[in-house]
Structures are given as C-alpha cells and as structure tokens.
Amino acid sequence: MKHYVRLAYTVPELGGELLTVAELEEISATQCTMLRMIEFDPAEAITGVYVDGRVIGQANTPMDTVGHPDTYNAYDGLRSTRISQPEFEGLWQEALQILRP
C-alpha cells in the first residue's frame, strides 16, 4: 500500500524546518520504503527531489526505510499531513519542470 505525506520537521542545527512531500510504500505497520520525495525551502519553493536512489537538485538523501506515517506522532518536532496521490503527482510534475536542465 502506498502512502503520500507532507512532512515538516524542525532541524535545530539549521535553525528552521525542512519541508518535504513523499511517496512511501508500506512494508510493515511501522516501516515504509521511500519511493520518491520532493524537498522545499522555507518559502515552499521546490529545491530538489529524490528518486531511484539519487538526488536531483538540492535535497537530503533519505534513508531507504523510514517510519510508517501512523508512527509519526511519536517523533518530537515532526508534523505530518496525508495528501492525495493526485496532489503528490501534481507536485512531482512541477518539480520535474523546475529541475529539468
């Protein structure tokens, strides 16, 4: 089962928040595989993506296995919202247009 989420998490070392949206594949009740991710700056402009094990543009490389969205409330400084697949796909197409050389 796939999950689509918007994440905002506080990074004290950066003095702010990182914003991402992600497509995840459920592998258990507590874990998912990261399939695709879009990273944003604090003004919510797209800065980079992660797909097929590589980063395009400016984005952090996520772990291959991440927490299941149902577990996010256990993490301090993390806010998450589920989004729809069409919403994710729209953002993905926008990201590809921005990051295309």
PDB file of N, CA and C in Angstrom:
ATOM      1  N   MET A   1       0.839  -1.171   0.000  1.00  0.00           N
ATOM      2  CA  MET A   1       0.000   0.000   0.000  1.00  0.00           C
ATOM      3  C   MET A   1       0.890   1.243   0.000  1.00  0.00           C
ATOM      4  N   LYS A   2       0.530   2.223  -0.823  1.00  0.00           N
ATOM      5  CA  LYS A   2       1.293   3.467  -0.884  1.00  0.00           C
ATOM      6  C   LYS A   2       0.657   4.515   0.019  1.00  0.00           C
ATOM      7  N   HIS A   3       1.526   5.371   0.553  1.00  0.00           N
ATOM      8  CA  HIS A   3       1.104   6.495   1.378  1.00  0.00           C
ATOM      9  C   HIS A   3       1.749   7.751   0.804  1.00  0.00           C
ATOM     10  N   TYR A   4       1.019   8.847   0.871  1.00  0.00           N
ATOM     11  CA  TYR A   4       1.513  10.142   0.416  1.00  0.00           C
ATOM     12  C   TYR A   4       1.400  11.102   1.586  1.00  0.00           C
ATOM     13  N   VAL A   5       2.520  11.722   1.962  1.00  0.00           N
ATOM     14  CA  VAL A   5       2.530  12.569   3.154  1.00  0.00           C
ATOM     15  C   VAL A   5       3.313  13.856   2.916  1.00  0.00           C
ATOM     16  N   ARG A   6       2.896  14.870   3.633  1.00  0.00           N
ATOM     17  CA  ARG A   6       3.628  16.139   3.710  1.00  0.00           C
ATOM     18  C   ARG A   6       4.226  16.186   5.109  1.00  0.00           C
ATOM     19  N   LEU A   7       5.527  16.442   5.179  1.00  0.00           N
ATOM     20  CA  LEU A   7       6.243  16.457   6.456  1.00  0.00           C
ATOM     21  C   LEU A   7       6.907  17.808   6.679  1.00  0.00           C
ATOM     22  N   ALA A   8       6.816  18.279   7.888  1.00  0.00           N
ATOM     23  CA  ALA A   8       7.560  19.464   8.323  1.00  0.00           C
ATOM     24  C   ALA A   8       8.258  19.062   9.606  1.00  0.00           C
ATOM     25  N   TYR A   9       9.567  19.176   9.622  1.00  0.00           N
ATOM     26  CA  TYR A   9      10.283  18.789  10.827  1.00  0.00           C
ATOM     27  C   TYR A   9      11.356  19.809  11.165  1.00  0.00           C
ATOM     28  N   THR A  10      11.468  20.063  12.452  1.00  0.00           N
ATOM     29  CA  THR A  10      12.401  21.047  12.982  1.00  0.00           C
ATOM     30  C   THR A  10      13.810  20.474  12.977  1.00  0.00           C
ATOM     31  N   VAL A  11      14.743  21.283  12.469  1.00  0.00           N
ATOM     32  CA  VAL A  11      16.156  20.908  12.465  1.00  0.00           C
ATOM     33  C   VAL A  11      16.905  22.006  13.221  1.00  0.00           C
ATOM     34  N   PRO A  12      17.163  21.782  14.511  1.00  0.00           N
ATOM     35  CA  PRO A  12      17.805  22.821  15.321  1.00  0.00           C
ATOM     36  C   PRO A  12      19.125  23.327  14.734  1.00  0.00           C
ATOM     37  N   GLU A  13      19.908  22.435  14.116  1.00  0.00           N
ATOM     38  CA  GLU A  13      21.196  22.831  13.537  1.00  0.00           C
ATOM     39  C   GLU A  13      21.022  23.849  12.417  1.00  0.00           C
ATOM     40  N   LEU A  14      19.872  23.815  11.746  1.00  0.00           N
ATOM     41  CA  LEU A  14      19.602  24.749  10.654  1.00  0.00           C
ATOM     42  C   LEU A  14      18.810  25.964  11.121  1.00  0.00           C
ATOM     43  N   GLY A  15      18.307  25.893  12.332  1.00  0.00           N
ATOM     44  CA  GLY A  15      17.511  26.995  12.846  1.00  0.00           C
ATOM     45  C   GLY A  15      16.170  27.138  12.158  1.00  0.00           C
ATOM     46  N   GLY A  16      15.621  26.047  11.677  1.00  0.00           N
ATOM     47  CA  GLY A  16      14.333  26.122  11.000  1.00  0.00           C
ATOM     48  C   GLY A  16      13.763  24.754  10.720  1.00  0.00           C
ATOM     49  N   GLU A  17      12.856  24.727   9.749  1.00  0.00           N
ATOM     50  CA  GLU A  17      12.168  23.488   9.388  1.00  0.00           C
ATOM     51  C   GLU A  17      12.562  23.030   7.999  1.00  0.00           C
ATOM     52  N   LEU A  18      12.553  21.728   7.797  1.00  0.00           N
ATOM     53  CA  LEU A  18      12.647  21.137   6.469  1.00  0.00           C
ATOM     54  C   LEU A  18      11.243  20.710   6.072  1.00  0.00           C
ATOM     55  N   LEU A  19      10.895  20.975   4.835  1.00  0.00           N
ATOM     56  CA  LEU A  19       9.577  20.620   4.320  1.00  0.00           C
ATOM     57  C   LEU A  19       9.736  19.637   3.176  1.00  0.00           C
ATOM     58  N   THR A  20       9.009  18.536   3.226  1.00  0.00           N
ATOM     59  CA  THR A  20       9.044  17.546   2.158  1.00  0.00           C
ATOM     60  C   THR A  20       7.654  16.976   1.924  1.00  0.00           C
ATOM     61  N   VAL A  21       7.457  16.434   0.736  1.00  0.00           N
ATOM     62  CA  VAL A  21       6.326  15.548   0.487  1.00  0.00           C
ATOM     63  C   VAL A  21       6.930  14.253  -0.021  1.00  0.00           C
ATOM     64  N   ALA A  22       6.307  13.145   0.322  1.00  0.00           N
ATOM     65  CA  ALA A  22       6.913  11.858  -0.008  1.00  0.00           C
ATOM     66  C   ALA A  22       5.877  10.834  -0.434  1.00  0.00           C
ATOM     67  N   GLU A  23       6.327   9.948  -1.307  1.00  0.00           N
ATOM     68  CA  GLU A  23       5.564   8.761  -1.688  1.00  0.00           C
ATOM     69  C   GLU A  23       6.255   7.585  -1.009  1.00  0.00           C
ATOM     70  N   LEU A  24       5.513   6.869  -0.181  1.00  0.00           N
ATOM     71  CA  LEU A  24       6.056   5.764   0.597  1.00  0.00           C
ATOM     72  C   LEU A  24       5.332   4.474   0.258  1.00  0.00           C
ATOM     73  N   GLU A  25       6.049   3.365   0.306  1.00  0.00           N
ATOM     74  CA  GLU A  25       5.461   2.031   0.128  1.00  0.00           C
ATOM     75  C   GLU A  25       5.504   1.323   1.468  1.00  0.00           C
ATOM     76  N   GLU A  26       4.342   0.927   1.965  1.00  0.00           N
ATOM     77  CA  GLU A  26       4.258   0.260   3.261  1.00  0.00           C
ATOM     78  C   GLU A  26       4.905  -1.119   3.194  1.00  0.00           C
ATOM     79  N   ILE A  27       5.794  -1.400   4.177  1.00  0.00           N
ATOM     80  CA  ILE A  27       6.375  -2.739   4.266  1.00  0.00           C
ATOM     81  C   ILE A  27       5.992  -3.428   5.571  1.00  0.00           C
ATOM     82  N   SER A  28       5.520  -2.643   6.537  1.00  0.00           N
ATOM     83  CA  SER A  28       5.015  -3.202   7.795  1.00  0.00           C
ATOM     84  C   SER A  28       4.173  -2.129   8.473  1.00  0.00           C
ATOM     85  N   ALA A  29       3.639  -2.447   9.639  1.00  0.00           N
ATOM     86  CA  ALA A  29       2.828  -1.481  10.382  1.00  0.00           C
ATOM     87  C   ALA A  29       3.668  -0.333  10.926  1.00  0.00           C
ATOM     88  N   THR A  30       4.994  -0.487  10.913  1.00  0.00           N
ATOM     89  CA  THR A  30       5.858   0.554  11.465  1.00  0.00           C
ATOM     90  C   THR A  30       6.883   1.108  10.480  1.00  0.00           C
ATOM     91  N   GLN A  31       7.011   0.492   9.292  1.00  0.00           N
ATOM     92  CA  GLN A  31       8.042   0.920   8.350  1.00  0.00           C
ATOM     93  C   GLN A  31       7.516   1.025   6.926  1.00  0.00           C
ATOM     94  N   CYS A  32       8.161   1.933   6.177  1.00  0.00           N
ATOM     95  CA  CYS A  32       7.866   2.115   4.759  1.00  0.00           C
ATOM     96  C   CYS A  32       9.181   2.272   3.998  1.00  0.00           C
ATOM     97  N   THR A  33       9.128   2.015   2.709  1.00  0.00           N
ATOM     98  CA  THR A  33      10.239   2.285   1.815  1.00  0.00           C
ATOM     99  C   THR A  33       9.989   3.637   1.167  1.00  0.00           C
ATOM    100  N   MET A  34      11.021   4.481   1.110  1.00  0.00           N
ATOM    101  CA  MET A  34      10.924   5.776   0.450  1.00  0.00           C
ATOM    102  C   MET A  34      11.002   5.552  -1.056  1.00  0.00           C
ATOM    103  N   LEU A  35       9.971   5.950  -1.782  1.00  0.00           N
ATOM    104  CA  LEU A  35       9.965   5.809  -3.232  1.00  0.00           C
ATOM    105  C   LEU A  35      10.387   7.107  -3.916  1.00  0.00           C
ATOM    106  N   ARG A  36       9.684   8.185  -3.600  1.00  0.00           N
ATOM    107  CA  ARG A  36      10.004   9.495  -4.175  1.00  0.00           C
ATOM    108  C   ARG A  36       9.799  10.557  -3.094  1.00  0.00           C
ATOM    109  N   MET A  37      10.582  11.622  -3.189  1.00  0.00           N
ATOM    110  CA  MET A  37      10.468  12.707  -2.221  1.00  0.00           C
ATOM    111  C   MET A  37      10.740  14.029  -2.930  1.00  0.00           C
ATOM    112  N   ILE A  38      10.005  15.057  -2.539  1.00  0.00           N
ATOM    113  CA  ILE A  38      10.236  16.422  -3.018  1.00  0.00           C
ATOM    114  C   ILE A  38      10.594  17.260  -1.801  1.00  0.00           C
ATOM    115  N   GLU A  39      11.660  18.039  -1.909  1.00  0.00           N
ATOM    116  CA  GLU A  39      12.071  18.899  -0.799  1.00  0.00           C
ATOM    117  C   GLU A  39      11.833  20.360  -1.179  1.00  0.00           C
ATOM    118  N   PHE A  40      11.433  21.144  -0.168  1.00  0.00           N
ATOM    119  CA  PHE A  40      11.088  22.552  -0.353  1.00  0.00           C
ATOM    120  C   PHE A  40      11.946  23.421   0.556  1.00  0.00           C
ATOM    121  N   ASP A  41      12.104  24.703   0.178  1.00  0.00           N
ATOM    122  CA  ASP A  41      12.743  25.657   1.083  1.00  0.00           C
ATOM    123  C   ASP A  41      11.681  26.223   2.027  1.00  0.00           C
ATOM    124  N   PRO A  42      12.074  27.064   2.995  1.00  0.00           N
ATOM    125  CA  PRO A  42      11.087  27.586   3.947  1.00  0.00           C
ATOM    126  C   PRO A  42       9.946  28.380   3.304  1.00  0.00           C
ATOM    127  N   ALA A  43      10.173  28.928   2.102  1.00  0.00           N
ATOM    128  CA  ALA A  43       9.116  29.649   1.385  1.00  0.00           C
ATOM    129  C   ALA A  43       8.265  28.706   0.537  1.00  0.00           C
ATOM    130  N   GLU A  44       8.516  27.409   0.656  1.00  0.00           N
ATOM    131  CA  GLU A  44       7.806  26.344  -0.048  1.00  0.00           C
ATOM    132  C   GLU A  44       8.069  26.318  -1.551  1.00  0.00           C
ATOM    133  N   ALA A  45       9.264  26.791  -1.947  1.00  0.00           N
ATOM    134  CA  ALA A  45       9.718  26.634  -3.326  1.00  0.00           C
ATOM    135  C   ALA A  45      10.440  25.290  -3.421  1.00  0.00           C
ATOM    136  N   ILE A  46      10.202  24.561  -4.500  1.00  0.00           N
ATOM    137  CA  ILE A  46      10.827  23.248  -4.696  1.00  0.00           C
ATOM    138  C   ILE A  46      12.329  23.425  -4.904  1.00  0.00           C
ATOM    139  N   THR A  47      13.122  22.661  -4.146  1.00  0.00           N
ATOM    140  CA  THR A  47      14.580  22.756  -4.262  1.00  0.00           C
ATOM    141  C   THR A  47      15.224  21.491  -4.817  1.00  0.00           C
ATOM    142  N   GLY A  48      14.563  20.349  -4.666  1.00  0.00           N
ATOM    143  CA  GLY A  48      15.158  19.111  -5.139  1.00  0.00           C
ATOM    144  C   GLY A  48      14.230  17.934  -4.952  1.00  0.00           C
ATOM    145  N   VAL A  49      14.631  16.812  -5.548  1.00  0.00           N
ATOM    146  CA  VAL A  49      13.849  15.581  -5.440  1.00  0.00           C
ATOM    147  C   VAL A  49      14.782  14.408  -5.181  1.00  0.00           C
ATOM    148  N   TYR A  50      14.182  13.337  -4.694  1.00  0.00           N
ATOM    149  CA  TYR A  50      14.864  12.056  -4.524  1.00  0.00           C
ATOM    150  C   TYR A  50      14.028  11.023  -5.264  1.00  0.00           C
ATOM    151  N   VAL A  51      14.690  10.239  -6.114  1.00  0.00           N
ATOM    152  CA  VAL A  51      14.012   9.166  -6.840  1.00  0.00           C
ATOM    153  C   VAL A  51      15.057   8.143  -7.284  1.00  0.00           C
ATOM    154  N   ASP A  52      14.698   6.884  -7.263  1.00  0.00           N
ATOM    155  CA  ASP A  52      15.578   5.810  -7.735  1.00  0.00           C
ATOM    156  C   ASP A  52      16.967   5.857  -7.097  1.00  0.00           C
ATOM    157  N   GLY A  53      17.020   6.196  -5.807  1.00  0.00           N
ATOM    158  CA  GLY A  53      18.283   6.191  -5.089  1.00  0.00           C
ATOM    159  C   GLY A  53      19.182   7.377  -5.347  1.00  0.00           C
ATOM    160  N   ARG A  54      18.680   8.411  -6.016  1.00  0.00           N
ATOM    161  CA  ARG A  54      19.534   9.570  -6.281  1.00  0.00           C
ATOM    162  C   ARG A  54      18.790  10.873  -6.031  1.00  0.00           C
ATOM    163  N   VAL A  55      19.568  11.903  -5.788  1.00  0.00           N
ATOM    164  CA  VAL A  55      19.043  13.244  -5.547  1.00  0.00           C
ATOM    165  C   VAL A  55      19.266  14.085  -6.792  1.00  0.00           C
ATOM    166  N   ILE A  56      18.257  14.857  -7.157  1.00  0.00           N
ATOM    167  CA  ILE A  56      18.357  15.823  -8.246  1.00  0.00           C
ATOM    168  C   ILE A  56      18.079  17.184  -7.629  1.00  0.00           C
ATOM    169  N   GLY A  57      18.969  18.145  -7.861  1.00  0.00           N
ATOM    170  CA  GLY A  57      18.822  19.459  -7.241  1.00  0.00           C
ATOM    171  C   GLY A  57      19.353  19.416  -5.820  1.00  0.00           C
ATOM    172  N   GLN A  58      18.768  20.249  -4.961  1.00  0.00           N
ATOM    173  CA  GLN A  58      19.202  20.323  -3.567  1.00  0.00           C
ATOM    174  C   GLN A  58      18.163  19.656  -2.685  1.00  0.00           C
ATOM    175  N   ALA A  59      18.494  18.476  -2.220  1.00  0.00           N
ATOM    176  CA  ALA A  59      17.625  17.725  -1.312  1.00  0.00           C
ATOM    177  C   ALA A  59      18.508  16.814  -0.473  1.00  0.00           C
ATOM    178  N   ASN A  60      18.022  16.449   0.660  1.00  0.00           N
ATOM    179  CA  ASN A  60      18.725  15.490   1.510  1.00  0.00           C
ATOM    180  C   ASN A  60      18.441  14.078   1.021  1.00  0.00           C
ATOM    181  N   THR A  61      19.411  13.202   1.147  1.00  0.00           N
ATOM    182  CA  THR A  61      19.198  11.803   0.801  1.00  0.00           C
ATOM    183  C   THR A  61      18.505  11.120   1.976  1.00  0.00           C
ATOM    184  N   PRO A  62      17.294  10.625   1.768  1.00  0.00           N
ATOM    185  CA  PRO A  62      16.586   9.968   2.870  1.00  0.00           C
ATOM    186  C   PRO A  62      17.108   8.553   3.095  1.00  0.00           C
ATOM    187  N   MET A  63      16.771   8.007   4.237  1.00  0.00           N
ATOM    188  CA  MET A  63      17.070   6.601   4.489  1.00  0.00           C
ATOM    189  C   MET A  63      16.184   5.763   3.562  1.00  0.00           C
ATOM    190  N   ASP A  64      16.637   4.567   3.204  1.00  0.00           N
ATOM    191  CA  ASP A  64      15.836   3.683   2.355  1.00  0.00           C
ATOM    192  C   ASP A  64      14.550   3.268   3.056  1.00  0.00           C
ATOM    193  N   THR A  65      14.648   2.989   4.353  1.00  0.00           N
ATOM    194  CA  THR A  65      13.489   2.588   5.145  1.00  0.00           C
ATOM    195  C   THR A  65      13.199   3.688   6.154  1.00  0.00           C
ATOM    196  N   VAL A  66      11.953   4.131   6.174  1.00  0.00           N
ATOM    197  CA  VAL A  66      11.536   5.216   7.067  1.00  0.00           C
ATOM    198  C   VAL A  66      10.332   4.761   7.879  1.00  0.00           C
ATOM    199  N   GLY A  67       9.984   5.546   8.867  1.00  0.00           N
ATOM    200  CA  GLY A  67       8.826   5.217   9.684  1.00  0.00           C
ATOM    201  C   GLY A  67       7.524   5.266   8.901  1.00  0.00           C
ATOM    202  N   HIS A  68       6.573   4.470   9.333  1.00  0.00           N
ATOM    203  CA  HIS A  68       5.228   4.472   8.759  1.00  0.00           C
ATOM    204  C   HIS A  68       4.530   5.755   9.199  1.00  0.00           C
ATOM    205  N   PRO A  69       3.727   6.385   8.339  1.00  0.00           N
ATOM    206  CA  PRO A  69       3.036   7.614   8.737  1.00  0.00           C
ATOM    207  C   PRO A  69       2.228   7.489  10.029  1.00  0.00           C
ATOM    208  N   ASP A  70       1.734   6.313  10.337  1.00  0.00           N
ATOM    209  CA  ASP A  70       0.973   6.134  11.575  1.00  0.00           C
ATOM    210  C   ASP A  70       1.843   6.255  12.824  1.00  0.00           C
ATOM    211  N   THR A  71       3.173   6.256  12.654  1.00  0.00           N
ATOM    212  CA  THR A  71       4.078   6.352  13.807  1.00  0.00           C
ATOM    213  C   THR A  71       4.629   7.760  14.011  1.00  0.00           C
ATOM    214  N   TYR A  72       4.330   8.685  13.120  1.00  0.00           N
ATOM    215  CA  TYR A  72       4.972   9.997  13.158  1.00  0.00           C
ATOM    216  C   TYR A  72       4.662  10.798  14.416  1.00  0.00           C
ATOM    217  N   ASN A  73       3.522  10.549  15.047  1.00  0.00           N
ATOM    218  CA  ASN A  73       3.194  11.313  16.257  1.00  0.00           C
ATOM    219  C   ASN A  73       4.157  11.005  17.404  1.00  0.00           C
ATOM    220  N   ALA A  74       4.957   9.954  17.277  1.00  0.00           N
ATOM    221  CA  ALA A  74       5.926   9.596  18.320  1.00  0.00           C
ATOM    222  C   ALA A  74       7.219  10.411  18.214  1.00  0.00           C
ATOM    223  N   TYR A  75       7.389  11.159  17.122  1.00  0.00           N
ATOM    224  CA  TYR A  75       8.623  11.913  16.899  1.00  0.00           C
ATOM    225  C   TYR A  75       8.438  13.377  17.279  1.00  0.00           C
ATOM    226  N   ASP A  76       9.305  13.878  18.153  1.00  0.00           N
ATOM    227  CA  ASP A  76       9.274  15.292  18.518  1.00  0.00           C
ATOM    228  C   ASP A  76       9.689  16.140  17.326  1.00  0.00           C
ATOM    229  N   GLY A  77       9.037  17.272  17.152  1.00  0.00           N
ATOM    230  CA  GLY A  77       9.410  18.208  16.102  1.00  0.00           C
ATOM    231  C   GLY A  77       8.967  17.818  14.714  1.00  0.00           C
ATOM    232  N   LEU A  78       8.123  16.814  14.582  1.00  0.00           N
ATOM    233  CA  LEU A  78       7.658  16.347  13.273  1.00  0.00           C
ATOM    234  C   LEU A  78       6.154  16.536  13.165  1.00  0.00           C
ATOM    235  N   ARG A  79       5.742  17.212  12.097  1.00  0.00           N
ATOM    236  CA  ARG A  79       4.317  17.353  11.793  1.00  0.00           C
ATOM    237  C   ARG A  79       4.067  16.706  10.439  1.00  0.00           C
ATOM    238  N   SER A  80       2.994  15.960  10.335  1.00  0.00           N
ATOM    239  CA  SER A  80       2.698  15.314   9.057  1.00  0.00           C
ATOM    240  C   SER A  80       1.225  15.460   8.719  1.00  0.00           C
ATOM    241  N   THR A  81       0.977  15.501   7.418  1.00  0.00           N
ATOM    242  CA  THR A  81      -0.373  15.555   6.877  1.00  0.00           C
ATOM    243  C   THR A  81      -0.419  14.611   5.691  1.00  0.00           C
ATOM    244  N   ARG A  82      -1.428  13.794   5.624  1.00  0.00           N
ATOM    245  CA  ARG A  82      -1.577  12.939   4.442  1.00  0.00           C
ATOM    246  C   ARG A  82      -2.081  13.789   3.282  1.00  0.00           C
ATOM    247  N   ILE A  83      -1.579  13.487   2.095  1.00  0.00           N
ATOM    248  CA  ILE A  83      -2.043  14.154   0.889  1.00  0.00           C
ATOM    249  C   ILE A  83      -2.511  13.078  -0.079  1.00  0.00           C
ATOM    250  N   SER A  84      -3.219  13.486  -1.121  1.00  0.00           N
ATOM    251  CA  SER A  84      -3.734  12.524  -2.094  1.00  0.00           C
ATOM    252  C   SER A  84      -2.660  12.205  -3.142  1.00  0.00           C
ATOM    253  N   GLN A  85      -2.841  11.079  -3.822  1.00  0.00           N
ATOM    254  CA  GLN A  85      -1.920  10.728  -4.904  1.00  0.00           C
ATOM    255  C   GLN A  85      -1.942  11.793  -5.998  1.00  0.00           C
ATOM    256  N   PRO A  86      -3.129  12.279  -6.439  1.00  0.00           N
ATOM    257  CA  PRO A  86      -3.117  13.330  -7.463  1.00  0.00           C
ATOM    258  C   PRO A  86      -2.383  14.601  -7.012  1.00  0.00           C
ATOM    259  N   GLU A  87      -2.504  14.956  -5.742  1.00  0.00           N
ATOM    260  CA  GLU A  87      -1.789  16.128  -5.236  1.00  0.00           C
ATOM    261  C   GLU A  87      -0.280  15.893  -5.316  1.00  0.00           C
ATOM    262  N   PHE A  88       0.167  14.697  -4.909  1.00  0.00           N
ATOM    263  CA  PHE A  88       1.591  14.379  -4.991  1.00  0.00           C
ATOM    264  C   PHE A  88       2.057  14.414  -6.441  1.00  0.00           C
ATOM    265  N   GLU A  89       1.301  13.781  -7.336  1.00  0.00           N
ATOM    266  CA  GLU A  89       1.706  13.717  -8.750  1.00  0.00           C
ATOM    267  C   GLU A  89       1.792  15.110  -9.368  1.00  0.00           C
ATOM    268  N   GLY A  90       0.885  16.008  -8.974  1.00  0.00           N
ATOM    269  CA  GLY A  90       0.943  17.381  -9.468  1.00  0.00           C
ATOM    270  C   GLY A  90       2.220  18.080  -9.020  1.00  0.00           C
ATOM    271  N   LEU A  91       2.576  17.911  -7.751  1.00  0.00           N
ATOM    272  CA  LEU A  91       3.820  18.491  -7.244  1.00  0.00           C
ATOM    273  C   LEU A  91       5.035  17.854  -7.910  1.00  0.00           C
ATOM    274  N   TRP A  92       4.957  16.550  -8.171  1.00  0.00           N
ATOM    275  CA  TRP A  92       6.072  15.846  -8.816  1.00  0.00           C
ATOM    276  C   TRP A  92       6.302  16.402 -10.223  1.00  0.00           C
ATOM    277  N   GLN A  93       5.229  16.595 -10.974  1.00  0.00           N
ATOM    278  CA  GLN A  93       5.368  17.149 -12.323  1.00  0.00           C
ATOM    279  C   GLN A  93       5.934  18.564 -12.276  1.00  0.00           C
ATOM    280  N   GLU A  94       5.482  19.350 -11.309  1.00  0.00           N
ATOM    281  CA  GLU A  94       6.020  20.704 -11.127  1.00  0.00           C
ATOM    282  C   GLU A  94       7.517  20.643 -10.820  1.00  0.00           C
ATOM    283  N   ALA A  95       7.916  19.736  -9.950  1.00  0.00           N
ATOM    284  CA  ALA A  95       9.331  19.588  -9.594  1.00  0.00           C
ATOM    285  C   ALA A  95      10.166  19.202 -10.811  1.00  0.00           C
ATOM    286  N   LEU A  96       9.671  18.281 -11.613  1.00  0.00           N
ATOM    287  CA  LEU A  96      10.424  17.863 -12.796  1.00  0.00           C
ATOM    288  C   LEU A  96      10.601  19.014 -13.778  1.00  0.00           C
ATOM    289  N   GLN A  97       9.584  19.860 -13.927  1.00  0.00           N
ATOM    290  CA  GLN A  97       9.697  21.022 -14.809  1.00  0.00           C
ATOM    291  C   GLN A  97      10.749  22.002 -14.291  1.00  0.00           C
ATOM    292  N   ILE A  98      10.763  22.224 -12.984  1.00  0.00           N
ATOM    293  CA  ILE A  98      11.709  23.164 -12.379  1.00  0.00           C
ATOM    294  C   ILE A  98      13.139  22.638 -12.459  1.00  0.00           C
ATOM    295  N   LEU A  99      13.318  21.353 -12.239  1.00  0.00           N
ATOM    296  CA  LEU A  99      14.661  20.778 -12.128  1.00  0.00           C
ATOM    297  C   LEU A  99      15.218  20.243 -13.436  1.00  0.00           C
ATOM    298  N   ARG A 100      14.435  20.256 -14.476  1.00  0.00           N
ATOM    299  CA  ARG A 100      14.904  19.765 -15.777  1.00  0.00           C
ATOM    300  C   ARG A 100      15.993  20.703 -16.302  1.00  0.00           C
ATOM    301  N   PRO A 101      17.128  20.160 -16.758  1.00  0.00           N
ATOM    302  CA  PRO A 101      18.238  21.021 -17.238  1.00  0.00           C
ATOM    303  C   PRO A 101      17.890  21.777 -18.500  1.00  0.00           C
TER     304      PRO A 101
END
